[in-house]
Structures are given as structure tokens and as C-alpha cells.
């Protein structure tokens, strides 16, 4: 994959942990990243290691990396009930993206 292709395919994802907490991240390959977080490989987040099993509860294509980072930062600052509203579709990811475009 060339960098030109990769730059426009960033995704935001949310993982629900065994303790009920929510972890938010960005990646170009949600499946691979989720597997890493689940312990396949060494690239999983330290926060998630003691909170398994994990469940991927949300993913959305954002676009370019810079935009994905801005949206990720915004989602991470949301209170848990707002993140759950995003997961349930009560808050639109498009509305969050629109704030930065």
C-alpha cells in the first residue's frame, strides 16, 4: 500500500473492556489493530492488557490522519455516556467530523 492510499483511510474505533471502560483509538486497519489489542502480537495498548476480554463496539471511516487525530482527541474527551451515545448511533460521527472540516 502506498502512503497516498493510506493517508485517506484512517478509522476511529472504540473498544469496550471487560471492566466496562471504553478505549478509543485510530488506525488504518481496524481488524489488525483489534487483534493486536487482544494479545496477538506485541503492539497492543498497555491499558488494555489487564482489561480483556475486549469487544470492538464502534468503528467509522474518518479519512486523513490529521482529521482522524482531531476526531479521536474530541471523542476521548467526551464523557462515557456521550461515547455510548456515539456507539448506539444517538450522536453522529459525521457531526463530530464536520466540526473540523
Protein backbone atom coordinates (compact mmCIF):
# COMPACT_ATOMS: atom_id res chain seq x y z
CA UNK A 1 0.00 0.00 0.00
CA UNK A 2 1.35 3.39 -0.87
CA UNK A 3 1.33 6.25 1.59
CA UNK A 4 -1.01 8.18 -0.69
CA UNK A 5 -3.65 5.47 -0.27
CA UNK A 6 -3.07 5.02 3.45
CA UNK A 7 -3.43 8.72 4.24
CA UNK A 8 -7.10 8.77 3.26
CA UNK A 9 -8.19 5.57 5.03
CA UNK A 10 -7.96 6.28 8.74
CA UNK A 11 -10.61 4.88 11.06
CA UNK A 12 -11.73 5.75 14.57
CA UNK A 13 -12.58 2.77 16.74
CA UNK A 14 -13.90 2.18 20.24
CA UNK A 15 -13.28 -0.96 22.29
CA UNK A 16 -15.33 -1.94 25.33
CA UNK A 17 -13.24 -3.55 28.04
CA UNK A 18 -14.20 -6.30 30.48
CA UNK A 19 -14.43 -3.70 33.27
CA UNK A 20 -16.88 -1.58 31.21
CA UNK A 21 -14.38 1.13 30.31
CA UNK A 22 -14.13 2.39 26.74
CA UNK A 23 -10.87 2.73 24.80
CA UNK A 24 -10.70 4.98 21.73
CA UNK A 25 -8.06 4.84 19.01
CA UNK A 26 -7.31 5.39 15.33
CA UNK A 27 -5.82 3.06 12.76
CA UNK A 28 -5.74 2.24 9.06
CA UNK A 29 -6.63 -1.43 9.73
CA UNK A 30 -9.22 -1.93 12.48
CA UNK A 31 -9.15 -5.75 12.38
CA UNK A 32 -5.36 -5.94 12.69
CA UNK A 33 -5.28 -3.34 15.46
CA UNK A 34 -8.05 -5.04 17.42
CA UNK A 35 -6.20 -8.38 17.17
CA UNK A 36 -3.06 -6.67 18.49
CA UNK A 37 -5.02 -5.27 21.43
CA UNK A 38 -6.40 -8.77 22.10
CA UNK A 39 -2.88 -10.10 22.51
CA UNK A 40 -1.95 -11.25 19.00
CA UNK A 41 1.44 -9.63 18.60
CA UNK A 42 3.21 -7.08 20.75
CA UNK A 43 1.61 -3.86 19.51
CA UNK A 44 -1.44 -3.74 21.79
CA UNK A 45 -2.07 -0.85 24.15
CA UNK A 46 -0.78 -1.34 27.70
CA UNK A 47 -4.09 -0.03 29.10
CA UNK A 48 -5.98 -2.94 27.55
CA UNK A 49 -3.75 -5.82 28.66
CA UNK A 50 -5.40 -6.21 32.06
CA UNK A 51 -8.92 -5.45 30.79
CA UNK A 52 -9.52 -8.41 28.49
CA UNK A 53 -11.70 -9.82 27.02
CA UNK A 54 -12.29 -6.90 24.70
CA UNK A 55 -15.15 -6.14 22.36
CA UNK A 56 -14.95 -3.87 19.32
CA UNK A 57 -18.12 -1.78 19.64
CA UNK A 58 -17.62 1.04 17.13
CA UNK A 59 -15.68 1.90 14.01
CA UNK A 60 -16.04 4.69 11.47
CA UNK A 61 -14.01 5.75 8.47
CA UNK A 62 -12.71 9.26 9.09
CA UNK A 63 -10.33 9.98 6.20
CA UNK A 64 -6.95 11.63 6.51
CA UNK A 65 -4.74 11.01 9.53
CA UNK A 66 -4.75 14.62 10.73
CA UNK A 67 -8.55 14.68 10.78
CA UNK A 68 -8.69 11.27 12.47
CA UNK A 69 -6.37 12.53 15.21
CA UNK A 70 -8.58 15.58 15.82
CA UNK A 71 -11.75 13.47 15.98
CA UNK A 72 -10.03 10.94 18.26
CA UNK A 73 -8.98 13.71 20.65
CA UNK A 74 -12.56 15.05 20.70
CA UNK A 75 -14.07 11.60 21.36
CA UNK A 76 -11.55 10.83 24.12
CA UNK A 77 -12.68 13.99 25.93
CA UNK A 78 -16.36 13.00 25.80
CA UNK A 79 -17.93 11.66 28.99
CA UNK A 80 -18.71 7.94 28.92
CA UNK A 81 -22.44 8.47 28.35
CA UNK A 82 -21.70 10.54 25.22
CA UNK A 83 -19.31 7.86 23.93
CA UNK A 84 -22.06 5.29 24.47
CA UNK A 85 -24.46 7.55 22.57
CA UNK A 86 -21.96 7.61 19.69
CA UNK A 87 -21.69 3.81 19.80
CA UNK A 88 -25.51 3.50 19.80
CA UNK A 89 -25.90 5.94 16.92
CA UNK A 90 -27.60 8.64 19.00
CA UNK A 91 -24.70 11.00 18.22
CA UNK A 92 -23.49 11.16 14.62
CA UNK A 93 -19.79 10.71 13.88
CA UNK A 94 -20.42 12.94 10.86
CA UNK A 95 -21.38 15.79 13.21
CA UNK A 96 -18.07 15.40 15.05
CA UNK A 97 -16.11 15.28 11.78
CA UNK A 98 -17.95 18.36 10.48
CA UNK A 99 -16.56 20.42 13.38
CA UNK A 100 -13.09 20.05 11.85
CA UNK A 101 -13.84 20.40 8.14
